[in-house]
Amino acid sequence: MIPANFAYLNDKRMPAHFLITILELAEHYQIKPHQLIRGSQLFLEDLAYPGAQVAPASALFILKKLKRELTEQPQLALELGQRIATGHGHVLFDLWRYAPNLSGALNAWARVQKGIETLVQFNVERHQGKLYIRLTESASLSTQQRMLFEIVLSACRLLLKEQLGAQTWVKVELPWSQPGQDLHYPVFLGEHVRFDAPRCAIILSEEALYQPFKEASALRFAQAKHTAKHLLCPPQLLQAHLRRIFRKNLGQAWSLEYTAGYLGMSPATLKRRLKQDGTNFKLLVDEVRGQEALHLMDLNQWNNSQLASTMAFADVHSFRRAFKRWTGAVPSAFRCGS
């Protein structure tokens, strides 16, 4: 059965295409869909009609079962990502496929991901001539975070290669260590892969933003946006909304009371809602601020004083204590390793 800690993702707000692709990959490896779907609170008939949506909890449950069945296939998530990208019908990747350029694709995705649960958020920024497409969680994914990130990275890397050409420079950063046998990473993610990075990201030249996509189609792009609009099912997951707010307002000291007032609810209600989402306020704020500190430290080469000021800490010592709580090490240890 679906574990209790996935209960906050039980609303049907994910396009069924993702789950269908998981089941197709399972069949490729001789695993029957009925066997994989058992215990997920889903039936195959639920996926049959156009526009079907599923609960993210069900998709995560089935994905975890597939990984357990295929432990000897380390490339599983990367392979799944490419299948999603090449299979027409996934509204999110159709937006990428038929957009006029990367800028149009990213803008369309930003609007859609506020109502369709993707489990992964895109954070886009320009810096010194480069475009950073950074992946972060929209919900606490625990041990499945890496697998979800690999799926999205692989899908986006393939689409970028197809749309912009194989010669376009693309770098992928992974926040985990290089495996002993990592031959599948260059195959799926290209030759420019950085392990033990301070973020999970795809990096391109800023010029790629407006380079025309090879499959650009104004009509199909409009159709994909129309389909996405009819799939939206607000309100969005509370913690996904809060993660976006915290990232956009790093200079604000977010307390439980202040945040509750900002959202128009009582602190007790916010506390209860986050508990239903499988997290708590302090953990959520800490997770976002820790991720942003590592990202900004590496991106801007800022010192502790600059980071403390930007992130609304009272002083440098408070920032250093928080950083050690986030990472288990002092900031200088990360600067030496970069």
C-alpha atoms as a PDB file:
ATOM      1  CA  MET A   1       0.000   0.000   0.000  1.00  0.00           C
ATOM      2  CA  ILE A   2       1.004   3.645  -0.398  1.00  0.00           C
ATOM      3  CA  PRO A   3       3.037   4.729   2.662  1.00  0.00           C
ATOM      4  CA  ALA A   4       1.466   7.279   4.991  1.00  0.00           C
ATOM      5  CA  ASN A   5       4.239   9.799   4.353  1.00  0.00           C
ATOM      6  CA  PHE A   6       2.980  10.151   0.762  1.00  0.00           C
ATOM      7  CA  ALA A   7      -0.530  11.117   1.914  1.00  0.00           C
ATOM      8  CA  TYR A   8       0.032  14.813   1.116  1.00  0.00           C
ATOM      9  CA  LEU A   9       0.254  13.922  -2.606  1.00  0.00           C
ATOM     10  CA  ASN A  10      -2.986  11.989  -2.867  1.00  0.00           C
ATOM     11  CA  ASP A  11      -4.838  14.580  -4.966  1.00  0.00           C
ATOM     12  CA  LYS A  12      -5.114  13.662  -8.642  1.00  0.00           C
ATOM     13  CA  ARG A  13      -3.053  16.457 -10.164  1.00  0.00           C
ATOM     14  CA  MET A  14      -0.415  14.701 -12.297  1.00  0.00           C
ATOM     15  CA  PRO A  15      -0.918  13.883 -16.012  1.00  0.00           C
ATOM     16  CA  ALA A  16      -1.270  10.109 -16.397  1.00  0.00           C
ATOM     17  CA  HIS A  17       1.272  10.063 -19.239  1.00  0.00           C
ATOM     18  CA  PHE A  18       4.113   9.885 -16.699  1.00  0.00           C
ATOM     19  CA  LEU A  19       2.680   6.777 -15.087  1.00  0.00           C
ATOM     20  CA  ILE A  20       1.823   5.179 -18.438  1.00  0.00           C
ATOM     21  CA  THR A  21       5.459   5.580 -19.507  1.00  0.00           C
ATOM     22  CA  ILE A  22       6.614   3.887 -16.298  1.00  0.00           C
ATOM     23  CA  LEU A  23       4.349   0.930 -17.057  1.00  0.00           C
ATOM     24  CA  GLU A  24       5.583   0.760 -20.665  1.00  0.00           C
ATOM     25  CA  LEU A  25       9.188   0.672 -19.475  1.00  0.00           C
ATOM     26  CA  ALA A  26       8.260  -2.077 -17.013  1.00  0.00           C
ATOM     27  CA  GLU A  27       6.801  -4.143 -19.880  1.00  0.00           C
ATOM     28  CA  HIS A  28      10.066  -3.654 -21.795  1.00  0.00           C
ATOM     29  CA  TYR A  29      11.781  -5.413 -18.876  1.00  0.00           C
ATOM     30  CA  GLN A  30       9.157  -8.200 -18.801  1.00  0.00           C
ATOM     31  CA  ILE A  31       7.294  -6.856 -15.756  1.00  0.00           C
ATOM     32  CA  LYS A  32       3.499  -7.018 -16.065  1.00  0.00           C
ATOM     33  CA  PRO A  33       1.668  -3.702 -15.467  1.00  0.00           C
ATOM     34  CA  HIS A  34      -0.919  -5.419 -13.234  1.00  0.00           C
ATOM     35  CA  GLN A  35       1.890  -6.690 -11.027  1.00  0.00           C
ATOM     36  CA  LEU A  36       3.443  -3.237 -10.715  1.00  0.00           C
ATOM     37  CA  ILE A  37       0.200  -1.354 -10.125  1.00  0.00           C
ATOM     38  CA  ARG A  38      -0.999  -3.647  -7.322  1.00  0.00           C
ATOM     39  CA  GLY A  39      -1.311  -1.767  -4.011  1.00  0.00           C
ATOM     40  CA  SER A  40      -1.222   1.671  -5.650  1.00  0.00           C
ATOM     41  CA  GLN A  41      -4.975   2.382  -5.291  1.00  0.00           C
ATOM     42  CA  LEU A  42      -5.111   2.566  -9.102  1.00  0.00           C
ATOM     43  CA  PHE A  43      -6.570   0.415 -11.870  1.00  0.00           C
ATOM     44  CA  LEU A  44      -5.320   0.300 -15.448  1.00  0.00           C
ATOM     45  CA  GLU A  45      -8.787   1.455 -16.534  1.00  0.00           C
ATOM     46  CA  ASP A  46      -8.117   4.745 -14.701  1.00  0.00           C
ATOM     47  CA  LEU A  47      -5.451   5.568 -17.282  1.00  0.00           C
ATOM     48  CA  ALA A  48      -7.489   4.809 -20.395  1.00  0.00           C
ATOM     49  CA  TYR A  49      -9.366   8.047 -21.046  1.00  0.00           C
ATOM     50  CA  PRO A  50      -7.853  11.251 -22.578  1.00  0.00           C
ATOM     51  CA  GLY A  51      -6.748  13.799 -20.021  1.00  0.00           C
ATOM     52  CA  ALA A  52      -6.546  11.238 -17.214  1.00  0.00           C
ATOM     53  CA  GLN A  53      -4.743  12.393 -14.093  1.00  0.00           C
ATOM     54  CA  VAL A  54      -3.324  10.407 -11.212  1.00  0.00           C
ATOM     55  CA  ALA A  55      -2.207  11.094  -7.675  1.00  0.00           C
ATOM     56  CA  PRO A  56       1.556  11.748  -7.454  1.00  0.00           C
ATOM     57  CA  ALA A  57       1.608   9.373  -4.480  1.00  0.00           C
ATOM     58  CA  SER A  58       0.553   6.522  -6.787  1.00  0.00           C
ATOM     59  CA  ALA A  59       3.247   7.378  -9.342  1.00  0.00           C
ATOM     60  CA  LEU A  60       5.934   7.512  -6.644  1.00  0.00           C
ATOM     61  CA  PHE A  61       4.745   4.211  -5.191  1.00  0.00           C
ATOM     62  CA  ILE A  62       4.892   2.460  -8.587  1.00  0.00           C
ATOM     63  CA  LEU A  63       8.239   4.062  -9.446  1.00  0.00           C
ATOM     64  CA  LYS A  64       9.680   2.767  -6.184  1.00  0.00           C
ATOM     65  CA  LYS A  65       8.412  -0.755  -6.934  1.00  0.00           C
ATOM     66  CA  LEU A  66       9.941  -0.668 -10.417  1.00  0.00           C
ATOM     67  CA  LYS A  67      13.312   0.416  -9.036  1.00  0.00           C
ATOM     68  CA  ARG A  68      13.171  -2.423  -6.516  1.00  0.00           C
ATOM     69  CA  GLU A  69      12.394  -4.920  -9.291  1.00  0.00           C
ATOM     70  CA  LEU A  70      15.253  -3.623 -11.463  1.00  0.00           C
ATOM     71  CA  THR A  71      18.039  -2.952  -8.982  1.00  0.00           C
ATOM     72  CA  GLU A  72      20.617  -4.097 -11.532  1.00  0.00           C
ATOM     73  CA  GLN A  73      19.625  -1.347 -13.995  1.00  0.00           C
ATOM     74  CA  PRO A  74      21.384   1.827 -12.714  1.00  0.00           C
ATOM     75  CA  GLN A  75      20.330   3.739 -15.835  1.00  0.00           C
ATOM     76  CA  LEU A  76      16.618   3.123 -15.148  1.00  0.00           C
ATOM     77  CA  ALA A  77      15.645   6.725 -14.290  1.00  0.00           C
ATOM     78  CA  LEU A  78      17.673   8.192 -17.150  1.00  0.00           C
ATOM     79  CA  GLU A  79      16.102   5.736 -19.581  1.00  0.00           C
ATOM     80  CA  LEU A  80      12.637   6.603 -18.304  1.00  0.00           C
ATOM     81  CA  GLY A  81      13.337  10.294 -18.817  1.00  0.00           C
ATOM     82  CA  GLN A  82      14.199   9.762 -22.464  1.00  0.00           C
ATOM     83  CA  ARG A  83      11.065   7.677 -23.012  1.00  0.00           C
ATOM     84  CA  ILE A  84       8.948  10.482 -21.564  1.00  0.00           C
ATOM     85  CA  ALA A  85      10.647  13.070 -23.776  1.00  0.00           C
ATOM     86  CA  THR A  86      10.278  11.055 -26.991  1.00  0.00           C
ATOM     87  CA  GLY A  87       6.691   9.929 -26.368  1.00  0.00           C
ATOM     88  CA  HIS A  88       4.250  12.540 -27.665  1.00  0.00           C
ATOM     89  CA  GLY A  89       1.277  13.291 -25.451  1.00  0.00           C
ATOM     90  CA  HIS A  90       2.906  14.434 -22.195  1.00  0.00           C
ATOM     91  CA  VAL A  91       1.599  17.998 -22.004  1.00  0.00           C
ATOM     92  CA  LEU A  92       4.637  19.352 -20.155  1.00  0.00           C
ATOM     93  CA  PHE A  93       7.144  18.023 -22.650  1.00  0.00           C
ATOM     94  CA  ASP A  94       4.899  18.936 -25.594  1.00  0.00           C
ATOM     95  CA  LEU A  95       5.293  22.513 -24.370  1.00  0.00           C
ATOM     96  CA  TRP A  96       9.056  22.086 -24.713  1.00  0.00           C
ATOM     97  CA  ARG A  97       8.784  20.282 -28.035  1.00  0.00           C
ATOM     98  CA  TYR A  98       6.600  22.797 -29.890  1.00  0.00           C
ATOM     99  CA  ALA A  99       7.658  26.081 -28.271  1.00  0.00           C
ATOM    100  CA  PRO A 100       9.278  28.689 -30.546  1.00  0.00           C
ATOM    101  CA  ASN A 101      12.440  28.617 -28.420  1.00  0.00           C
ATOM    102  CA  LEU A 102      13.739  27.759 -24.940  1.00  0.00           C
ATOM    103  CA  SER A 103      12.506  31.054 -23.505  1.00  0.00           C
ATOM    104  CA  GLY A 104       8.957  30.263 -24.645  1.00  0.00           C
ATOM    105  CA  ALA A 105       9.210  26.711 -23.298  1.00  0.00           C
ATOM    106  CA  LEU A 106      10.424  27.820 -19.863  1.00  0.00           C
ATOM    107  CA  ASN A 107       7.781  30.557 -19.570  1.00  0.00           C
ATOM    108  CA  ALA A 108       5.025  28.085 -20.475  1.00  0.00           C
ATOM    109  CA  TRP A 109       6.345  25.516 -17.994  1.00  0.00           C
ATOM    110  CA  ALA A 110       6.509  28.149 -15.219  1.00  0.00           C
ATOM    111  CA  ARG A 111       2.799  28.889 -15.644  1.00  0.00           C
ATOM    112  CA  VAL A 112       1.808  25.239 -15.818  1.00  0.00           C
ATOM    113  CA  GLN A 113       3.814  23.925 -12.873  1.00  0.00           C
ATOM    114  CA  LYS A 114       1.803  26.093 -10.484  1.00  0.00           C
ATOM    115  CA  GLY A 115      -1.277  23.940 -11.100  1.00  0.00           C
ATOM    116  CA  ILE A 116      -0.005  20.573 -12.348  1.00  0.00           C
ATOM    117  CA  GLU A 117       2.017  18.584  -9.850  1.00  0.00           C
ATOM    118  CA  THR A 118       5.419  17.850 -11.396  1.00  0.00           C
ATOM    119  CA  LEU A 119       7.189  17.002  -8.098  1.00  0.00           C
ATOM    120  CA  VAL A 120      10.149  19.021  -9.410  1.00  0.00           C
ATOM    121  CA  GLN A 121      10.344  22.814  -9.720  1.00  0.00           C
ATOM    122  CA  PHE A 122      12.374  24.703 -12.323  1.00  0.00           C
ATOM    123  CA  ASN A 123      14.292  27.757 -11.105  1.00  0.00           C
ATOM    124  CA  VAL A 124      15.721  29.746 -14.009  1.00  0.00           C
ATOM    125  CA  GLU A 125      18.305  32.520 -13.843  1.00  0.00           C
ATOM    126  CA  ARG A 126      20.989  34.151 -15.973  1.00  0.00           C
ATOM    127  CA  HIS A 127      24.506  34.748 -14.723  1.00  0.00           C
ATOM    128  CA  GLN A 128      27.592  35.938 -16.583  1.00  0.00           C
ATOM    129  CA  GLY A 129      26.402  34.831 -19.993  1.00  0.00           C
ATOM    130  CA  LYS A 130      25.082  31.460 -18.821  1.00  0.00           C
ATOM    131  CA  LEU A 131      21.566  30.185 -18.260  1.00  0.00           C
ATOM    132  CA  TYR A 132      20.993  28.068 -15.150  1.00  0.00           C
ATOM    133  CA  ILE A 133      17.944  25.775 -15.100  1.00  0.00           C
ATOM    134  CA  ARG A 134      18.015  24.539 -11.527  1.00  0.00           C
ATOM    135  CA  LEU A 135      15.898  21.646 -10.235  1.00  0.00           C
ATOM    136  CA  THR A 136      14.444  21.655  -6.730  1.00  0.00           C
ATOM    137  CA  GLU A 137      11.718  19.634  -5.036  1.00  0.00           C
ATOM    138  CA  SER A 138       8.123  20.817  -4.918  1.00  0.00           C
ATOM    139  CA  ALA A 139       7.535  18.314  -2.104  1.00  0.00           C
ATOM    140  CA  SER A 140       9.676  16.304   0.287  1.00  0.00           C
ATOM    141  CA  LEU A 141      10.731  13.372  -1.900  1.00  0.00           C
ATOM    142  CA  SER A 142      13.150  11.768   0.559  1.00  0.00           C
ATOM    143  CA  THR A 143      15.018   8.825  -1.015  1.00  0.00           C
ATOM    144  CA  GLN A 144      13.257   9.279  -4.362  1.00  0.00           C
ATOM    145  CA  GLN A 145      14.611  12.753  -5.002  1.00  0.00           C
ATOM    146  CA  ARG A 146      17.626  11.548  -6.985  1.00  0.00           C
ATOM    147  CA  MET A 147      15.543   9.303  -9.218  1.00  0.00           C
ATOM    148  CA  LEU A 148      13.038  12.096 -10.006  1.00  0.00           C
ATOM    149  CA  PHE A 149      15.860  14.527 -10.742  1.00  0.00           C
ATOM    150  CA  GLU A 150      17.518  12.018 -13.082  1.00  0.00           C
ATOM    151  CA  ILE A 151      14.233  11.477 -14.954  1.00  0.00           C
ATOM    152  CA  VAL A 152      13.712  15.210 -15.533  1.00  0.00           C
ATOM    153  CA  LEU A 153      17.372  15.895 -16.395  1.00  0.00           C
ATOM    154  CA  SER A 154      17.448  13.095 -18.947  1.00  0.00           C
ATOM    155  CA  ALA A 155      14.191  14.196 -20.588  1.00  0.00           C
ATOM    156  CA  CYS A 156      15.218  17.843 -20.808  1.00  0.00           C
ATOM    157  CA  ARG A 157      18.757  17.037 -21.985  1.00  0.00           C
ATOM    158  CA  LEU A 158      17.396  14.948 -24.858  1.00  0.00           C
ATOM    159  CA  LEU A 159      14.857  17.602 -25.894  1.00  0.00           C
ATOM    160  CA  LEU A 160      17.520  20.301 -25.839  1.00  0.00           C
ATOM    161  CA  LYS A 161      19.814  18.175 -27.968  1.00  0.00           C
ATOM    162  CA  GLU A 162      17.044  17.504 -30.498  1.00  0.00           C
ATOM    163  CA  GLN A 163      15.770  21.089 -30.602  1.00  0.00           C
ATOM    164  CA  LEU A 164      19.052  23.018 -30.535  1.00  0.00           C
ATOM    165  CA  GLY A 165      21.390  20.535 -32.193  1.00  0.00           C
ATOM    166  CA  ALA A 166      23.991  18.127 -30.850  1.00  0.00           C
ATOM    167  CA  GLN A 167      26.721  20.801 -30.985  1.00  0.00           C
ATOM    168  CA  THR A 168      24.997  23.073 -28.458  1.00  0.00           C
ATOM    169  CA  TRP A 169      27.046  23.235 -25.258  1.00  0.00           C
ATOM    170  CA  VAL A 170      25.095  21.811 -22.316  1.00  0.00           C
ATOM    171  CA  LYS A 171      26.499  21.097 -18.861  1.00  0.00           C
ATOM    172  CA  VAL A 172      24.713  19.047 -16.194  1.00  0.00           C
ATOM    173  CA  GLU A 173      25.438  19.442 -12.472  1.00  0.00           C
ATOM    174  CA  LEU A 174      24.560  16.682 -10.001  1.00  0.00           C
ATOM    175  CA  PRO A 175      24.584  17.172  -6.197  1.00  0.00           C
ATOM    176  CA  TRP A 176      25.670  13.573  -5.512  1.00  0.00           C
ATOM    177  CA  SER A 177      29.004  11.770  -5.760  1.00  0.00           C
ATOM    178  CA  GLN A 178      30.245  10.059  -8.888  1.00  0.00           C
ATOM    179  CA  PRO A 179      29.345   6.354  -8.850  1.00  0.00           C
ATOM    180  CA  GLY A 180      32.027   3.731  -9.354  1.00  0.00           C
ATOM    181  CA  GLN A 181      30.379   2.605 -12.593  1.00  0.00           C
ATOM    182  CA  ASP A 182      28.961   5.728 -14.212  1.00  0.00           C
ATOM    183  CA  LEU A 183      29.135   4.846 -17.900  1.00  0.00           C
ATOM    184  CA  HIS A 184      25.428   5.585 -18.307  1.00  0.00           C
ATOM    185  CA  TYR A 185      25.746   9.272 -17.334  1.00  0.00           C
ATOM    186  CA  PRO A 186      27.695  10.397 -20.446  1.00  0.00           C
ATOM    187  CA  VAL A 187      25.286   8.402 -22.639  1.00  0.00           C
ATOM    188  CA  PHE A 188      22.166  10.089 -21.288  1.00  0.00           C
ATOM    189  CA  LEU A 189      23.452  13.443 -19.984  1.00  0.00           C
ATOM    190  CA  GLY A 190      26.418  14.183 -22.260  1.00  0.00           C
ATOM    191  CA  GLU A 191      30.124  14.542 -21.623  1.00  0.00           C
ATOM    192  CA  HIS A 192      29.933  17.668 -19.451  1.00  0.00           C
ATOM    193  CA  VAL A 193      28.732  16.319 -16.091  1.00  0.00           C
ATOM    194  CA  ARG A 194      29.859  17.698 -12.727  1.00  0.00           C
ATOM    195  CA  PHE A 195      29.352  15.567  -9.619  1.00  0.00           C
ATOM    196  CA  ASP A 196      29.260  16.797  -5.982  1.00  0.00           C
ATOM    197  CA  ALA A 197      27.853  20.079  -7.285  1.00  0.00           C
ATOM    198  CA  PRO A 198      26.099  22.618  -5.029  1.00  0.00           C
ATOM    199  CA  ARG A 199      22.886  22.217  -7.042  1.00  0.00           C
ATOM    200  CA  CYS A 200      21.082  20.005  -9.545  1.00  0.00           C
ATOM    201  CA  ALA A 201      21.041  21.960 -12.782  1.00  0.00           C
ATOM    202  CA  ILE A 202      21.292  22.178 -16.547  1.00  0.00           C
ATOM    203  CA  ILE A 203      23.571  24.993 -17.723  1.00  0.00           C
ATOM    204  CA  LEU A 204      23.632  26.450 -21.233  1.00  0.00           C
ATOM    205  CA  SER A 205      24.922  29.534 -22.970  1.00  0.00           C
ATOM    206  CA  GLU A 206      22.487  32.428 -22.547  1.00  0.00           C
ATOM    207  CA  GLU A 207      22.315  32.677 -26.342  1.00  0.00           C
ATOM    208  CA  ALA A 208      20.413  29.363 -26.425  1.00  0.00           C
ATOM    209  CA  LEU A 209      17.344  31.093 -24.945  1.00  0.00           C
ATOM    210  CA  TYR A 210      16.195  32.520 -28.277  1.00  0.00           C
ATOM    211  CA  GLN A 211      17.651  29.999 -30.704  1.00  0.00           C
ATOM    212  CA  PRO A 212      14.688  28.657 -32.743  1.00  0.00           C
ATOM    213  CA  PHE A 213      13.531  25.140 -31.861  1.00  0.00           C
ATOM    214  CA  LYS A 214      13.645  22.671 -34.739  1.00  0.00           C
ATOM    215  CA  GLU A 215      10.149  21.308 -34.001  1.00  0.00           C
ATOM    216  CA  ALA A 216       8.582  24.710 -33.269  1.00  0.00           C
ATOM    217  CA  SER A 217       4.920  24.828 -34.228  1.00  0.00           C
ATOM    218  CA  ALA A 218       2.688  27.759 -33.326  1.00  0.00           C
ATOM    219  CA  LEU A 219      -0.486  25.669 -33.657  1.00  0.00           C
ATOM    220  CA  ARG A 220       0.769  22.672 -31.692  1.00  0.00           C
ATOM    221  CA  PHE A 221       2.249  24.962 -29.026  1.00  0.00           C
ATOM    222  CA  ALA A 222      -1.098  26.732 -28.670  1.00  0.00           C
ATOM    223  CA  GLN A 223      -2.819  23.348 -28.455  1.00  0.00           C
ATOM    224  CA  ALA A 224      -0.413  22.174 -25.741  1.00  0.00           C
ATOM    225  CA  LYS A 225      -1.008  25.368 -23.738  1.00  0.00           C
ATOM    226  CA  HIS A 226      -4.766  24.948 -24.131  1.00  0.00           C
ATOM    227  CA  THR A 227      -4.537  21.332 -22.915  1.00  0.00           C
ATOM    228  CA  ALA A 228      -2.384  22.367 -19.963  1.00  0.00           C
ATOM    229  CA  LYS A 229      -4.816  25.132 -19.012  1.00  0.00           C
ATOM    230  CA  HIS A 230      -7.658  22.613 -18.738  1.00  0.00           C
ATOM    231  CA  LEU A 231      -5.542  20.323 -16.568  1.00  0.00           C
ATOM    232  CA  LEU A 232      -4.814  22.962 -13.953  1.00  0.00           C
ATOM    233  CA  CYS A 233      -6.357  22.125 -10.612  1.00  0.00           C
ATOM    234  CA  PRO A 234      -5.552  24.793  -8.005  1.00  0.00           C
ATOM    235  CA  PRO A 235      -4.982  25.263  -5.191  1.00  0.00           C
ATOM    236  CA  GLN A 236      -1.446  24.012  -5.559  1.00  0.00           C
ATOM    237  CA  LEU A 237       0.348  21.975  -2.932  1.00  0.00           C
ATOM    238  CA  LEU A 238       0.979  24.323   0.005  1.00  0.00           C
ATOM    239  CA  GLN A 239       4.635  23.458   0.496  1.00  0.00           C
ATOM    240  CA  ALA A 240       5.315  23.882  -3.243  1.00  0.00           C
ATOM    241  CA  HIS A 241       3.839  27.378  -3.021  1.00  0.00           C
ATOM    242  CA  LEU A 242       5.902  28.198   0.080  1.00  0.00           C
ATOM    243  CA  ARG A 243       9.136  26.947  -1.472  1.00  0.00           C
ATOM    244  CA  ARG A 244       8.649  29.401  -4.352  1.00  0.00           C
ATOM    245  CA  ILE A 245       7.861  32.269  -1.991  1.00  0.00           C
ATOM    246  CA  PHE A 246      10.894  31.618   0.213  1.00  0.00           C
ATOM    247  CA  ARG A 247      13.245  31.450  -2.789  1.00  0.00           C
ATOM    248  CA  LYS A 248      11.963  34.688  -4.276  1.00  0.00           C
ATOM    249  CA  ASN A 249      12.197  36.532  -0.939  1.00  0.00           C
ATOM    250  CA  LEU A 250      15.459  35.397   0.659  1.00  0.00           C
ATOM    251  CA  GLY A 251      15.880  38.770   2.344  1.00  0.00           C
ATOM    252  CA  GLN A 252      12.751  38.218   4.445  1.00  0.00           C
ATOM    253  CA  ALA A 253      13.072  36.504   7.826  1.00  0.00           C
ATOM    254  CA  TRP A 254      10.182  34.018   7.528  1.00  0.00           C
ATOM    255  CA  SER A 255       8.668  33.035  10.863  1.00  0.00           C
ATOM    256  CA  LEU A 256       5.647  30.767  11.294  1.00  0.00           C
ATOM    257  CA  GLU A 257       3.524  33.698  12.481  1.00  0.00           C
ATOM    258  CA  TYR A 258       4.610  36.054   9.679  1.00  0.00           C
ATOM    259  CA  THR A 259       4.120  33.397   6.990  1.00  0.00           C
ATOM    260  CA  ALA A 260       0.672  32.457   8.298  1.00  0.00           C
ATOM    261  CA  GLY A 261      -0.362  36.118   8.163  1.00  0.00           C
ATOM    262  CA  TYR A 262       1.065  36.437   4.635  1.00  0.00           C
ATOM    263  CA  LEU A 263      -1.087  33.484   3.551  1.00  0.00           C
ATOM    264  CA  GLY A 264      -4.172  34.738   5.403  1.00  0.00           C
ATOM    265  CA  MET A 265      -4.425  31.863   7.875  1.00  0.00           C
ATOM    266  CA  SER A 266      -3.683  31.270  11.540  1.00  0.00           C
ATOM    267  CA  PRO A 267      -0.313  29.815  12.674  1.00  0.00           C
ATOM    268  CA  ALA A 268      -2.133  26.742  13.974  1.00  0.00           C
ATOM    269  CA  THR A 269      -3.773  26.149  10.568  1.00  0.00           C
ATOM    270  CA  LEU A 270      -0.456  26.564   8.749  1.00  0.00           C
ATOM    271  CA  LYS A 271       1.204  24.168  11.153  1.00  0.00           C
ATOM    272  CA  ARG A 272      -1.547  21.586  10.643  1.00  0.00           C
ATOM    273  CA  ARG A 273      -1.548  21.952   6.852  1.00  0.00           C
ATOM    274  CA  LEU A 274       2.203  21.444   6.636  1.00  0.00           C
ATOM    275  CA  LYS A 275       1.948  18.384   8.851  1.00  0.00           C
ATOM    276  CA  GLN A 276      -0.613  16.998   6.389  1.00  0.00           C
ATOM    277  CA  ASP A 277       1.900  17.764   3.627  1.00  0.00           C
ATOM    278  CA  GLY A 278       4.455  15.572   5.411  1.00  0.00           C
ATOM    279  CA  THR A 279       6.740  18.347   6.655  1.00  0.00           C
ATOM    280  CA  ASN A 280       6.966  21.172   9.214  1.00  0.00           C
ATOM    281  CA  PHE A 281       7.694  24.874   8.959  1.00  0.00           C
ATOM    282  CA  LYS A 282      11.239  24.911  10.344  1.00  0.00           C
ATOM    283  CA  LEU A 283      12.292  21.960   8.190  1.00  0.00           C
ATOM    284  CA  LEU A 284      10.849  23.584   5.070  1.00  0.00           C
ATOM    285  CA  VAL A 285      12.531  26.957   5.616  1.00  0.00           C
ATOM    286  CA  ASP A 286      15.835  25.287   6.491  1.00  0.00           C
ATOM    287  CA  GLU A 287      15.756  23.102   3.383  1.00  0.00           C
ATOM    288  CA  VAL A 288      15.161  26.029   1.026  1.00  0.00           C
ATOM    289  CA  ARG A 289      17.686  28.348   2.687  1.00  0.00           C
ATOM    290  CA  GLY A 290      20.351  25.636   2.760  1.00  0.00           C
ATOM    291  CA  GLN A 291      19.900  24.982  -0.967  1.00  0.00           C
ATOM    292  CA  GLU A 292      20.016  28.695  -1.793  1.00  0.00           C
ATOM    293  CA  ALA A 293      23.116  29.319   0.326  1.00  0.00           C
ATOM    294  CA  LEU A 294      25.092  26.623  -1.506  1.00  0.00           C
ATOM    295  CA  HIS A 295      23.857  27.871  -4.878  1.00  0.00           C
ATOM    296  CA  LEU A 296      24.664  31.545  -4.220  1.00  0.00           C
ATOM    297  CA  MET A 297      28.029  30.753  -2.665  1.00  0.00           C
ATOM    298  CA  ASP A 298      29.119  28.861  -5.763  1.00  0.00           C
ATOM    299  CA  LEU A 299      27.457  31.136  -8.316  1.00  0.00           C
ATOM    300  CA  ASN A 300      28.630  34.499  -6.996  1.00  0.00           C
ATOM    301  CA  GLN A 301      31.670  33.444  -4.937  1.00  0.00           C
ATOM    302  CA  TRP A 302      30.188  35.421  -2.062  1.00  0.00           C
ATOM    303  CA  ASN A 303      31.765  35.498   1.380  1.00  0.00           C
ATOM    304  CA  ASN A 304      29.907  34.789   4.620  1.00  0.00           C
ATOM    305  CA  SER A 305      29.082  38.445   5.212  1.00  0.00           C
ATOM    306  CA  GLN A 306      27.454  38.835   1.790  1.00  0.00           C
ATOM    307  CA  LEU A 307      25.444  35.638   2.217  1.00  0.00           C
ATOM    308  CA  ALA A 308      24.346  36.561   5.745  1.00  0.00           C
ATOM    309  CA  SER A 309      23.152  39.975   4.555  1.00  0.00           C
ATOM    310  CA  THR A 310      21.320  38.604   1.503  1.00  0.00           C
ATOM    311  CA  MET A 311      19.585  35.888   3.528  1.00  0.00           C
ATOM    312  CA  ALA A 312      18.446  38.177   6.381  1.00  0.00           C
ATOM    313  CA  PHE A 313      20.680  36.766   9.129  1.00  0.00           C
ATOM    314  CA  ALA A 314      21.392  38.972  12.136  1.00  0.00           C
ATOM    315  CA  ASP A 315      25.149  38.484  11.767  1.00  0.00           C
ATOM    316  CA  VAL A 316      27.827  36.277  10.194  1.00  0.00           C
ATOM    317  CA  HIS A 317      28.008  33.982  13.232  1.00  0.00           C
ATOM    318  CA  SER A 318      24.302  33.181  12.945  1.00  0.00           C
ATOM    319  CA  PHE A 319      24.783  32.344   9.270  1.00  0.00           C
ATOM    320  CA  ARG A 320      27.768  30.074   9.999  1.00  0.00           C
ATOM    321  CA  ARG A 321      25.785  28.178  12.655  1.00  0.00           C
ATOM    322  CA  ALA A 322      22.843  27.738  10.273  1.00  0.00           C
ATOM    323  CA  PHE A 323      25.139  26.621   7.454  1.00  0.00           C
ATOM    324  CA  LYS A 324      26.687  23.947   9.658  1.00  0.00           C
ATOM    325  CA  ARG A 325      23.190  22.776  10.604  1.00  0.00           C
ATOM    326  CA  TRP A 326      22.219  22.558   6.912  1.00  0.00           C
ATOM    327  CA  THR A 327      25.327  20.826   5.639  1.00  0.00           C
ATOM    328  CA  GLY A 328      27.250  19.435   8.603  1.00  0.00           C
ATOM    329  CA  ALA A 329      30.274  21.592   7.705  1.00  0.00           C
ATOM    330  CA  VAL A 330      31.432  25.235   7.805  1.00  0.00           C
ATOM    331  CA  PRO A 331      31.196  27.348   4.611  1.00  0.00           C
ATOM    332  CA  SER A 332      34.967  27.330   4.044  1.00  0.00           C
ATOM    333  CA  ALA A 333      34.884  23.538   3.562  1.00  0.00           C
ATOM    334  CA  PHE A 334      32.590  23.959   0.564  1.00  0.00           C
ATOM    335  CA  ARG A 335      34.605  26.815  -0.895  1.00  0.00           C
ATOM    336  CA  CYS A 336      37.772  24.712  -0.745  1.00  0.00           C
ATOM    337  CA  GLY A 337      36.020  21.844  -2.514  1.00  0.00           C
ATOM    338  CA  SER A 338      34.552  23.956  -5.323  1.00  0.00           C
END
